[in-house]
Amino acid sequence: MIRERDETERPGEWLRRFAEDASAYRLLLAESGLAIAAYRLARARCRVQPMSANVPTLSELKSAADELAQRVGLDNAHHLGVLVADCALAGLPLILPPTFDSAA
């Protein structure tokens, strides 16, 4: 059984759920929306790396959003500026490149 806190306390186990159950992507997307769901995936992946971090980069957010879109059959044409803005509105920090322009 996966507990709600597993996402932050046991990110490896939380991520394993997605490998074992393809419907988990759809549930995550329905629960959080694309930007927040991608952020949650990216953050969990950051936490399981040998040099773990709690804040994902823009590249990690984009990779997670692309994977989510692919797994649930959405168009991959999401605007990075919208993803960044949605995360900012939710108070979720991101590591952005110095040259990032949200309007681009």
PDB file of N, CA and C in Angstrom:
ATOM      1  N   MET A   1       0.848  -1.188   0.000  1.00  0.00           N
ATOM      2  CA  MET A   1       0.000   0.000   0.000  1.00  0.00           C
ATOM      3  C   MET A   1       0.888   1.245   0.000  1.00  0.00           C
ATOM      4  N   ILE A   2       0.550   2.184  -0.847  1.00  0.00           N
ATOM      5  CA  ILE A   2       1.301   3.426  -0.950  1.00  0.00           C
ATOM      6  C   ILE A   2       0.635   4.486  -0.070  1.00  0.00           C
ATOM      7  N   ARG A   3       1.437   5.062   0.809  1.00  0.00           N
ATOM      8  CA  ARG A   3       0.923   6.126   1.665  1.00  0.00           C
ATOM      9  C   ARG A   3       1.133   7.464   0.986  1.00  0.00           C
ATOM     10  N   GLU A   4       0.337   8.440   1.364  1.00  0.00           N
ATOM     11  CA  GLU A   4       0.431   9.772   0.765  1.00  0.00           C
ATOM     12  C   GLU A   4       1.821  10.369   0.966  1.00  0.00           C
ATOM     13  N   ARG A   5       2.442  10.123   2.112  1.00  0.00           N
ATOM     14  CA  ARG A   5       3.760  10.702   2.399  1.00  0.00           C
ATOM     15  C   ARG A   5       4.891   9.990   1.666  1.00  0.00           C
ATOM     16  N   ASP A   6       4.611   8.852   1.045  1.00  0.00           N
ATOM     17  CA  ASP A   6       5.656   8.114   0.351  1.00  0.00           C
ATOM     18  C   ASP A   6       6.318   8.950  -0.742  1.00  0.00           C
ATOM     19  N   GLU A   7       5.586   9.882  -1.320  1.00  0.00           N
ATOM     20  CA  GLU A   7       6.135  10.730  -2.372  1.00  0.00           C
ATOM     21  C   GLU A   7       7.382  11.473  -1.893  1.00  0.00           C
ATOM     22  N   THR A   8       7.361  11.954  -0.658  1.00  0.00           N
ATOM     23  CA  THR A   8       8.503  12.704  -0.140  1.00  0.00           C
ATOM     24  C   THR A   8       9.391  11.857   0.775  1.00  0.00           C
ATOM     25  N   GLU A   9       8.812  10.929   1.507  1.00  0.00           N
ATOM     26  CA  GLU A   9       9.600  10.132   2.441  1.00  0.00           C
ATOM     27  C   GLU A   9      10.215   8.889   1.804  1.00  0.00           C
ATOM     28  N   ARG A  10       9.559   8.360   0.808  1.00  0.00           N
ATOM     29  CA  ARG A  10      10.032   7.143   0.137  1.00  0.00           C
ATOM     30  C   ARG A  10       9.855   7.310  -1.376  1.00  0.00           C
ATOM     31  N   PRO A  11      10.561   8.257  -1.967  1.00  0.00           N
ATOM     32  CA  PRO A  11      10.326   8.555  -3.381  1.00  0.00           C
ATOM     33  C   PRO A  11      10.610   7.376  -4.320  1.00  0.00           C
ATOM     34  N   GLY A  12      11.554   6.517  -3.959  1.00  0.00           N
ATOM     35  CA  GLY A  12      11.829   5.358  -4.796  1.00  0.00           C
ATOM     36  C   GLY A  12      10.627   4.432  -4.890  1.00  0.00           C
ATOM     37  N   GLU A  13       9.996   4.180  -3.767  1.00  0.00           N
ATOM     38  CA  GLU A  13       8.805   3.333  -3.751  1.00  0.00           C
ATOM     39  C   GLU A  13       7.639   4.016  -4.465  1.00  0.00           C
ATOM     40  N   TRP A  14       7.519   5.324  -4.270  1.00  0.00           N
ATOM     41  CA  TRP A  14       6.453   6.083  -4.927  1.00  0.00           C
ATOM     42  C   TRP A  14       6.626   6.012  -6.439  1.00  0.00           C
ATOM     43  N   LEU A  15       7.864   6.171  -6.923  1.00  0.00           N
ATOM     44  CA  LEU A  15       8.126   6.103  -8.363  1.00  0.00           C
ATOM     45  C   LEU A  15       7.913   4.689  -8.907  1.00  0.00           C
ATOM     46  N   ARG A  16       8.217   3.686  -8.105  1.00  0.00           N
ATOM     47  CA  ARG A  16       8.027   2.298  -8.543  1.00  0.00           C
ATOM     48  C   ARG A  16       6.564   2.036  -8.886  1.00  0.00           C
ATOM     49  N   ARG A  17       5.664   2.704  -8.195  1.00  0.00           N
ATOM     50  CA  ARG A  17       4.237   2.540  -8.468  1.00  0.00           C
ATOM     51  C   ARG A  17       3.923   2.854  -9.928  1.00  0.00           C
ATOM     52  N   PHE A  18       4.615   3.853 -10.491  1.00  0.00           N
ATOM     53  CA  PHE A  18       4.365   4.223 -11.877  1.00  0.00           C
ATOM     54  C   PHE A  18       4.883   3.168 -12.841  1.00  0.00           C
ATOM     55  N   ALA A  19       5.984   2.515 -12.487  1.00  0.00           N
ATOM     56  CA  ALA A  19       6.516   1.445 -13.324  1.00  0.00           C
ATOM     57  C   ALA A  19       5.620   0.214 -13.275  1.00  0.00           C
ATOM     58  N   GLU A  20       4.983  -0.005 -12.144  1.00  0.00           N
ATOM     59  CA  GLU A  20       4.159  -1.196 -11.958  1.00  0.00           C
ATOM     60  C   GLU A  20       2.711  -1.019 -12.396  1.00  0.00           C
ATOM     61  N   ASP A  21       2.228   0.212 -12.427  1.00  0.00           N
ATOM     62  CA  ASP A  21       0.813   0.450 -12.732  1.00  0.00           C
ATOM     63  C   ASP A  21       0.691   1.659 -13.655  1.00  0.00           C
ATOM     64  N   ALA A  22       0.460   1.393 -14.932  1.00  0.00           N
ATOM     65  CA  ALA A  22       0.388   2.470 -15.925  1.00  0.00           C
ATOM     66  C   ALA A  22      -0.737   3.460 -15.625  1.00  0.00           C
ATOM     67  N   SER A  23      -1.775   3.033 -14.934  1.00  0.00           N
ATOM     68  CA  SER A  23      -2.888   3.942 -14.624  1.00  0.00           C
ATOM     69  C   SER A  23      -2.493   4.982 -13.568  1.00  0.00           C
ATOM     70  N   ALA A  24      -1.365   4.772 -12.897  1.00  0.00           N
ATOM     71  CA  ALA A  24      -0.919   5.725 -11.878  1.00  0.00           C
ATOM     72  C   ALA A  24      -0.633   7.094 -12.494  1.00  0.00           C
ATOM     73  N   TYR A  25      -0.154   7.123 -13.734  1.00  0.00           N
ATOM     74  CA  TYR A  25       0.085   8.406 -14.408  1.00  0.00           C
ATOM     75  C   TYR A  25      -1.220   9.177 -14.585  1.00  0.00           C
ATOM     76  N   ARG A  26      -2.243   8.478 -15.033  1.00  0.00           N
ATOM     77  CA  ARG A  26      -3.540   9.123 -15.244  1.00  0.00           C
ATOM     78  C   ARG A  26      -4.118   9.638 -13.916  1.00  0.00           C
ATOM     79  N   LEU A  27      -3.967   8.871 -12.858  1.00  0.00           N
ATOM     80  CA  LEU A  27      -4.459   9.298 -11.548  1.00  0.00           C
ATOM     81  C   LEU A  27      -3.703  10.526 -11.046  1.00  0.00           C
ATOM     82  N   LEU A  28      -2.390  10.525 -11.217  1.00  0.00           N
ATOM     83  CA  LEU A  28      -1.577  11.665 -10.798  1.00  0.00           C
ATOM     84  C   LEU A  28      -1.977  12.916 -11.568  1.00  0.00           C
ATOM     85  N   LEU A  29      -2.184  12.771 -12.867  1.00  0.00           N
ATOM     86  CA  LEU A  29      -2.573  13.903 -13.699  1.00  0.00           C
ATOM     87  C   LEU A  29      -3.947  14.428 -13.294  1.00  0.00           C
ATOM     88  N   ALA A  30      -4.888  13.537 -13.039  1.00  0.00           N
ATOM     89  CA  ALA A  30      -6.231  13.956 -12.627  1.00  0.00           C
ATOM     90  C   ALA A  30      -6.200  14.646 -11.268  1.00  0.00           C
ATOM     91  N   GLU A  31      -5.328  14.189 -10.398  1.00  0.00           N
ATOM     92  CA  GLU A  31      -5.219  14.724  -9.043  1.00  0.00           C
ATOM     93  C   GLU A  31      -4.540  16.098  -9.015  1.00  0.00           C
ATOM     94  N   SER A  32      -3.579  16.316  -9.912  1.00  0.00           N
ATOM     95  CA  SER A  32      -2.718  17.488  -9.790  1.00  0.00           C
ATOM     96  C   SER A  32      -2.695  18.437 -10.982  1.00  0.00           C
ATOM     97  N   GLY A  33      -3.122  18.014 -12.151  1.00  0.00           N
ATOM     98  CA  GLY A  33      -2.939  18.827 -13.348  1.00  0.00           C
ATOM     99  C   GLY A  33      -1.533  18.609 -13.879  1.00  0.00           C
ATOM    100  N   LEU A  34      -1.286  19.000 -15.129  1.00  0.00           N
ATOM    101  CA  LEU A  34      -0.023  18.666 -15.785  1.00  0.00           C
ATOM    102  C   LEU A  34       1.196  19.257 -15.088  1.00  0.00           C
ATOM    103  N   ALA A  35       1.203  20.539 -14.815  1.00  0.00           N
ATOM    104  CA  ALA A  35       2.398  21.181 -14.254  1.00  0.00           C
ATOM    105  C   ALA A  35       2.751  20.609 -12.881  1.00  0.00           C
ATOM    106  N   ILE A  36       1.774  20.498 -12.016  1.00  0.00           N
ATOM    107  CA  ILE A  36       2.046  20.019 -10.651  1.00  0.00           C
ATOM    108  C   ILE A  36       2.386  18.534 -10.667  1.00  0.00           C
ATOM    109  N   ALA A  37       1.709  17.758 -11.500  1.00  0.00           N
ATOM    110  CA  ALA A  37       2.021  16.330 -11.609  1.00  0.00           C
ATOM    111  C   ALA A  37       3.449  16.140 -12.112  1.00  0.00           C
ATOM    112  N   ALA A  38       3.834  16.917 -13.130  1.00  0.00           N
ATOM    113  CA  ALA A  38       5.200  16.833 -13.653  1.00  0.00           C
ATOM    114  C   ALA A  38       6.202  17.242 -12.581  1.00  0.00           C
ATOM    115  N   TYR A  39       5.882  18.276 -11.823  1.00  0.00           N
ATOM    116  CA  TYR A  39       6.760  18.725 -10.751  1.00  0.00           C
ATOM    117  C   TYR A  39       6.941  17.613  -9.716  1.00  0.00           C
ATOM    118  N   ARG A  40       5.851  16.976  -9.346  1.00  0.00           N
ATOM    119  CA  ARG A  40       5.918  15.917  -8.343  1.00  0.00           C
ATOM    120  C   ARG A  40       6.793  14.759  -8.816  1.00  0.00           C
ATOM    121  N   LEU A  41       6.640  14.368 -10.083  1.00  0.00           N
ATOM    122  CA  LEU A  41       7.487  13.313 -10.642  1.00  0.00           C
ATOM    123  C   LEU A  41       8.952  13.742 -10.674  1.00  0.00           C
ATOM    124  N   ALA A  42       9.189  14.957 -11.160  1.00  0.00           N
ATOM    125  CA  ALA A  42      10.563  15.454 -11.262  1.00  0.00           C
ATOM    126  C   ALA A  42      11.216  15.552  -9.886  1.00  0.00           C
ATOM    127  N   ARG A  43      10.481  16.051  -8.905  1.00  0.00           N
ATOM    128  CA  ARG A  43      11.038  16.187  -7.550  1.00  0.00           C
ATOM    129  C   ARG A  43      11.368  14.816  -6.955  1.00  0.00           C
ATOM    130  N   ALA A  44      10.481  13.854  -7.150  1.00  0.00           N
ATOM    131  CA  ALA A  44      10.747  12.507  -6.626  1.00  0.00           C
ATOM    132  C   ALA A  44      11.983  11.910  -7.292  1.00  0.00           C
ATOM    133  N   ARG A  45      12.120  12.123  -8.581  1.00  0.00           N
ATOM    134  CA  ARG A  45      13.301  11.612  -9.294  1.00  0.00           C
ATOM    135  C   ARG A  45      14.573  12.285  -8.789  1.00  0.00           C
ATOM    136  N   CYS A  46      14.491  13.566  -8.501  1.00  0.00           N
ATOM    137  CA  CYS A  46      15.653  14.281  -7.941  1.00  0.00           C
ATOM    138  C   CYS A  46      16.065  13.678  -6.604  1.00  0.00           C
ATOM    139  N   ARG A  47      15.089  13.295  -5.817  1.00  0.00           N
ATOM    140  CA  ARG A  47      15.361  12.804  -4.467  1.00  0.00           C
ATOM    141  C   ARG A  47      16.005  11.421  -4.450  1.00  0.00           C
ATOM    142  N   VAL A  48      15.855  10.653  -5.529  1.00  0.00           N
ATOM    143  CA  VAL A  48      16.427   9.305  -5.546  1.00  0.00           C
ATOM    144  C   VAL A  48      17.793   9.249  -6.223  1.00  0.00           C
ATOM    145  N   GLN A  49      18.281  10.356  -6.709  1.00  0.00           N
ATOM    146  CA  GLN A  49      19.599  10.409  -7.351  1.00  0.00           C
ATOM    147  C   GLN A  49      20.707  10.317  -6.293  1.00  0.00           C
ATOM    148  N   PRO A  50      21.880   9.833  -6.684  1.00  0.00           N
ATOM    149  CA  PRO A  50      22.996   9.753  -5.725  1.00  0.00           C
ATOM    150  C   PRO A  50      23.320  11.102  -5.079  1.00  0.00           C
ATOM    151  N   MET A  51      23.240  12.165  -5.848  1.00  0.00           N
ATOM    152  CA  MET A  51      23.406  13.523  -5.309  1.00  0.00           C
ATOM    153  C   MET A  51      22.000  14.128  -5.287  1.00  0.00           C
ATOM    154  N   SER A  52      21.227  13.771  -4.291  1.00  0.00           N
ATOM    155  CA  SER A  52      19.815  14.133  -4.280  1.00  0.00           C
ATOM    156  C   SER A  52      19.600  15.628  -4.071  1.00  0.00           C
ATOM    157  N   ALA A  53      18.464  16.072  -4.574  1.00  0.00           N
ATOM    158  CA  ALA A  53      18.046  17.467  -4.445  1.00  0.00           C
ATOM    159  C   ALA A  53      16.541  17.492  -4.209  1.00  0.00           C
ATOM    160  N   ASN A  54      16.060  18.575  -3.658  1.00  0.00           N
ATOM    161  CA  ASN A  54      14.627  18.718  -3.420  1.00  0.00           C
ATOM    162  C   ASN A  54      13.939  19.603  -4.450  1.00  0.00           C
ATOM    163  N   VAL A  55      14.740  20.287  -5.264  1.00  0.00           N
ATOM    164  CA  VAL A  55      14.188  21.224  -6.240  1.00  0.00           C
ATOM    165  C   VAL A  55      14.616  20.793  -7.645  1.00  0.00           C
ATOM    166  N   PRO A  56      13.655  20.489  -8.507  1.00  0.00           N
ATOM    167  CA  PRO A  56      14.003  20.080  -9.866  1.00  0.00           C
ATOM    168  C   PRO A  56      14.393  21.263 -10.747  1.00  0.00           C
ATOM    169  N   THR A  57      15.087  20.936 -11.819  1.00  0.00           N
ATOM    170  CA  THR A  57      15.438  21.936 -12.819  1.00  0.00           C
ATOM    171  C   THR A  57      14.323  22.020 -13.859  1.00  0.00           C
ATOM    172  N   LEU A  58      14.390  23.046 -14.676  1.00  0.00           N
ATOM    173  CA  LEU A  58      13.422  23.190 -15.763  1.00  0.00           C
ATOM    174  C   LEU A  58      13.488  21.988 -16.697  1.00  0.00           C
ATOM    175  N   SER A  59      14.682  21.518 -16.970  1.00  0.00           N
ATOM    176  CA  SER A  59      14.852  20.358 -17.844  1.00  0.00           C
ATOM    177  C   SER A  59      14.176  19.114 -17.258  1.00  0.00           C
ATOM    178  N   GLU A  60      14.324  18.919 -15.959  1.00  0.00           N
ATOM    179  CA  GLU A  60      13.691  17.772 -15.296  1.00  0.00           C
ATOM    180  C   GLU A  60      12.170  17.908 -15.310  1.00  0.00           C
ATOM    181  N   LEU A  61      11.674  19.126 -15.123  1.00  0.00           N
ATOM    182  CA  LEU A  61      10.229  19.368 -15.191  1.00  0.00           C
ATOM    183  C   LEU A  61       9.710  19.054 -16.587  1.00  0.00           C
ATOM    184  N   LYS A  62      10.414  19.520 -17.612  1.00  0.00           N
ATOM    185  CA  LYS A  62       9.991  19.281 -18.986  1.00  0.00           C
ATOM    186  C   LYS A  62       9.993  17.790 -19.303  1.00  0.00           C
ATOM    187  N   SER A  63      11.028  17.077 -18.883  1.00  0.00           N
ATOM    188  CA  SER A  63      11.096  15.629 -19.128  1.00  0.00           C
ATOM    189  C   SER A  63       9.922  14.908 -18.470  1.00  0.00           C
ATOM    190  N   ALA A  64       9.610  15.289 -17.252  1.00  0.00           N
ATOM    191  CA  ALA A  64       8.487  14.662 -16.547  1.00  0.00           C
ATOM    192  C   ALA A  64       7.162  14.991 -17.234  1.00  0.00           C
ATOM    193  N   ALA A  65       6.994  16.239 -17.677  1.00  0.00           N
ATOM    194  CA  ALA A  65       5.766  16.632 -18.377  1.00  0.00           C
ATOM    195  C   ALA A  65       5.638  15.877 -19.696  1.00  0.00           C
ATOM    196  N   ASP A  66       6.737  15.730 -20.416  1.00  0.00           N
ATOM    197  CA  ASP A  66       6.720  14.979 -21.674  1.00  0.00           C
ATOM    198  C   ASP A  66       6.330  13.528 -21.433  1.00  0.00           C
ATOM    199  N   GLU A  67       6.899  12.933 -20.391  1.00  0.00           N
ATOM    200  CA  GLU A  67       6.577  11.535 -20.091  1.00  0.00           C
ATOM    201  C   GLU A  67       5.111  11.387 -19.691  1.00  0.00           C
ATOM    202  N   LEU A  68       4.645  12.281 -18.839  1.00  0.00           N
ATOM    203  CA  LEU A  68       3.230  12.227 -18.447  1.00  0.00           C
ATOM    204  C   LEU A  68       2.319  12.326 -19.664  1.00  0.00           C
ATOM    205  N   ALA A  69       2.600  13.295 -20.523  1.00  0.00           N
ATOM    206  CA  ALA A  69       1.781  13.492 -21.720  1.00  0.00           C
ATOM    207  C   ALA A  69       1.785  12.234 -22.587  1.00  0.00           C
ATOM    208  N   GLN A  70       2.950  11.641 -22.756  1.00  0.00           N
ATOM    209  CA  GLN A  70       3.054  10.438 -23.570  1.00  0.00           C
ATOM    210  C   GLN A  70       2.288   9.278 -22.941  1.00  0.00           C
ATOM    211  N   ARG A  71       2.436   9.099 -21.645  1.00  0.00           N
ATOM    212  CA  ARG A  71       1.806   7.955 -20.956  1.00  0.00           C
ATOM    213  C   ARG A  71       0.282   8.023 -20.940  1.00  0.00           C
ATOM    214  N   VAL A  72      -0.266   9.238 -20.943  1.00  0.00           N
ATOM    215  CA  VAL A  72      -1.732   9.362 -20.886  1.00  0.00           C
ATOM    216  C   VAL A  72      -2.335   9.746 -22.231  1.00  0.00           C
ATOM    217  N   GLY A  73      -1.489   9.885 -23.262  1.00  0.00           N
ATOM    218  CA  GLY A  73      -1.993  10.160 -24.595  1.00  0.00           C
ATOM    219  C   GLY A  73      -2.341  11.612 -24.860  1.00  0.00           C
ATOM    220  N   LEU A  74      -1.660  12.536 -24.177  1.00  0.00           N
ATOM    221  CA  LEU A  74      -1.892  13.968 -24.421  1.00  0.00           C
ATOM    222  C   LEU A  74      -0.936  14.477 -25.488  1.00  0.00           C
ATOM    223  N   ASP A  75      -1.285  15.610 -26.074  1.00  0.00           N
ATOM    224  CA  ASP A  75      -0.400  16.295 -27.002  1.00  0.00           C
ATOM    225  C   ASP A  75       0.839  16.752 -26.235  1.00  0.00           C
ATOM    226  N   ASN A  76       1.997  16.587 -26.814  1.00  0.00           N
ATOM    227  CA  ASN A  76       3.254  16.961 -26.160  1.00  0.00           C
ATOM    228  C   ASN A  76       3.576  18.442 -26.288  1.00  0.00           C
ATOM    229  N   ALA A  77       2.655  19.239 -26.800  1.00  0.00           N
ATOM    230  CA  ALA A  77       2.935  20.650 -27.093  1.00  0.00           C
ATOM    231  C   ALA A  77       2.590  21.565 -25.926  1.00  0.00           C
ATOM    232  N   HIS A  78       3.062  21.267 -24.740  1.00  0.00           N
ATOM    233  CA  HIS A  78       2.821  22.143 -23.597  1.00  0.00           C
ATOM    234  C   HIS A  78       3.875  23.246 -23.586  1.00  0.00           C
ATOM    235  N   HIS A  79       3.480  24.413 -23.220  1.00  0.00           N
ATOM    236  CA  HIS A  79       4.370  25.579 -23.202  1.00  0.00           C
ATOM    237  C   HIS A  79       5.129  25.607 -21.884  1.00  0.00           C
ATOM    238  N   LEU A  80       6.450  25.678 -21.968  1.00  0.00           N
ATOM    239  CA  LEU A  80       7.267  25.683 -20.754  1.00  0.00           C
ATOM    240  C   LEU A  80       6.929  26.851 -19.849  1.00  0.00           C
ATOM    241  N   GLY A  81       6.624  28.004 -20.437  1.00  0.00           N
ATOM    242  CA  GLY A  81       6.266  29.172 -19.637  1.00  0.00           C
ATOM    243  C   GLY A  81       5.034  28.925 -18.789  1.00  0.00           C
ATOM    244  N   VAL A  82       4.072  28.185 -19.336  1.00  0.00           N
ATOM    245  CA  VAL A  82       2.850  27.864 -18.588  1.00  0.00           C
ATOM    246  C   VAL A  82       3.176  26.905 -17.448  1.00  0.00           C
ATOM    247  N   LEU A  83       4.010  25.900 -17.724  1.00  0.00           N
ATOM    248  CA  LEU A  83       4.402  24.963 -16.661  1.00  0.00           C
ATOM    249  C   LEU A  83       5.101  25.705 -15.526  1.00  0.00           C
ATOM    250  N   VAL A  84       6.025  26.591 -15.884  1.00  0.00           N
ATOM    251  CA  VAL A  84       6.771  27.361 -14.880  1.00  0.00           C
ATOM    252  C   VAL A  84       5.823  28.264 -14.093  1.00  0.00           C
ATOM    253  N   ALA A  85       4.919  28.938 -14.793  1.00  0.00           N
ATOM    254  CA  ALA A  85       3.973  29.840 -14.121  1.00  0.00           C
ATOM    255  C   ALA A  85       3.062  29.065 -13.172  1.00  0.00           C
ATOM    256  N   ASP A  86       2.587  27.901 -13.608  1.00  0.00           N
ATOM    257  CA  ASP A  86       1.714  27.097 -12.745  1.00  0.00           C
ATOM    258  C   ASP A  86       2.455  26.641 -11.488  1.00  0.00           C
ATOM    259  N   CYS A  87       3.706  26.256 -11.646  1.00  0.00           N
ATOM    260  CA  CYS A  87       4.499  25.860 -10.477  1.00  0.00           C
ATOM    261  C   CYS A  87       4.718  27.056  -9.551  1.00  0.00           C
ATOM    262  N   ALA A  88       5.010  28.209 -10.133  1.00  0.00           N
ATOM    263  CA  ALA A  88       5.221  29.416  -9.318  1.00  0.00           C
ATOM    264  C   ALA A  88       3.958  29.786  -8.560  1.00  0.00           C
ATOM    265  N   LEU A  89       2.809  29.699  -9.218  1.00  0.00           N
ATOM    266  CA  LEU A  89       1.538  30.015  -8.552  1.00  0.00           C
ATOM    267  C   LEU A  89       1.251  29.055  -7.405  1.00  0.00           C
ATOM    268  N   ALA A  90       1.739  27.822  -7.537  1.00  0.00           N
ATOM    269  CA  ALA A  90       1.545  26.825  -6.478  1.00  0.00           C
ATOM    270  C   ALA A  90       2.624  26.928  -5.400  1.00  0.00           C
ATOM    271  N   GLY A  91       3.579  27.855  -5.583  1.00  0.00           N
ATOM    272  CA  GLY A  91       4.641  28.018  -4.595  1.00  0.00           C
ATOM    273  C   GLY A  91       5.716  26.957  -4.666  1.00  0.00           C
ATOM    274  N   LEU A  92       5.869  26.332  -5.834  1.00  0.00           N
ATOM    275  CA  LEU A  92       6.846  25.262  -6.001  1.00  0.00           C
ATOM    276  C   LEU A  92       8.099  25.808  -6.665  1.00  0.00           C
ATOM    277  N   PRO A  93       9.240  25.730  -6.002  1.00  0.00           N
ATOM    278  CA  PRO A  93      10.474  26.290  -6.568  1.00  0.00           C
ATOM    279  C   PRO A  93      11.027  25.432  -7.707  1.00  0.00           C
ATOM    280  N   LEU A  94      11.629  26.088  -8.658  1.00  0.00           N
ATOM    281  CA  LEU A  94      12.288  25.430  -9.787  1.00  0.00           C
ATOM    282  C   LEU A  94      13.659  26.064  -9.991  1.00  0.00           C
ATOM    283  N   ILE A  95      14.582  25.294 -10.482  1.00  0.00           N
ATOM    284  CA  ILE A  95      15.873  25.842 -10.871  1.00  0.00           C
ATOM    285  C   ILE A  95      15.780  26.162 -12.356  1.00  0.00           C
ATOM    286  N   LEU A  96      15.818  27.451 -12.663  1.00  0.00           N
ATOM    287  CA  LEU A  96      15.696  27.909 -14.042  1.00  0.00           C
ATOM    288  C   LEU A  96      17.046  28.344 -14.571  1.00  0.00           C
ATOM    289  N   PRO A  97      17.276  28.135 -15.872  1.00  0.00           N
ATOM    290  CA  PRO A  97      18.528  28.655 -16.442  1.00  0.00           C
ATOM    291  C   PRO A  97      18.498  30.186 -16.446  1.00  0.00           C
ATOM    292  N   PRO A  98      19.643  30.813 -16.353  1.00  0.00           N
ATOM    293  CA  PRO A  98      19.670  32.301 -16.281  1.00  0.00           C
ATOM    294  C   PRO A  98      19.042  32.961 -17.502  1.00  0.00           C
ATOM    295  N   THR A  99      19.022  32.272 -18.615  1.00  0.00           N
ATOM    296  CA  THR A  99      18.496  32.866 -19.839  1.00  0.00           C
ATOM    297  C   THR A  99      17.035  32.533 -20.082  1.00  0.00           C
ATOM    298  N   PHE A 100      16.367  31.884 -19.136  1.00  0.00           N
ATOM    299  CA  PHE A 100      14.978  31.475 -19.377  1.00  0.00           C
ATOM    300  C   PHE A 100      14.059  32.673 -19.494  1.00  0.00           C
ATOM    301  N   ASP A 101      13.252  32.671 -20.546  1.00  0.00           N
ATOM    302  CA  ASP A 101      12.261  33.711 -20.780  1.00  0.00           C
ATOM    303  C   ASP A 101      10.905  33.036 -20.836  1.00  0.00           C
ATOM    304  N   SER A 102      10.060  33.244 -19.843  1.00  0.00           N
ATOM    305  CA  SER A 102       8.772  32.552 -19.768  1.00  0.00           C
ATOM    306  C   SER A 102       7.838  32.899 -20.908  1.00  0.00           C
ATOM    307  N   ALA A 103       8.076  34.005 -21.598  1.00  0.00           N
ATOM    308  CA  ALA A 103       7.213  34.399 -22.700  1.00  0.00           C
ATOM    309  C   ALA A 103       7.614  33.713 -24.018  1.00  0.00           C
ATOM    310  N   ALA A 104       8.781  33.117 -24.045  1.00  0.00           N
ATOM    311  CA  ALA A 104       9.277  32.506 -25.287  1.00  0.00           C
ATOM    312  C   ALA A 104       8.510  31.252 -25.640  1.00  0.00           C
TER     313      ALA A 104
END
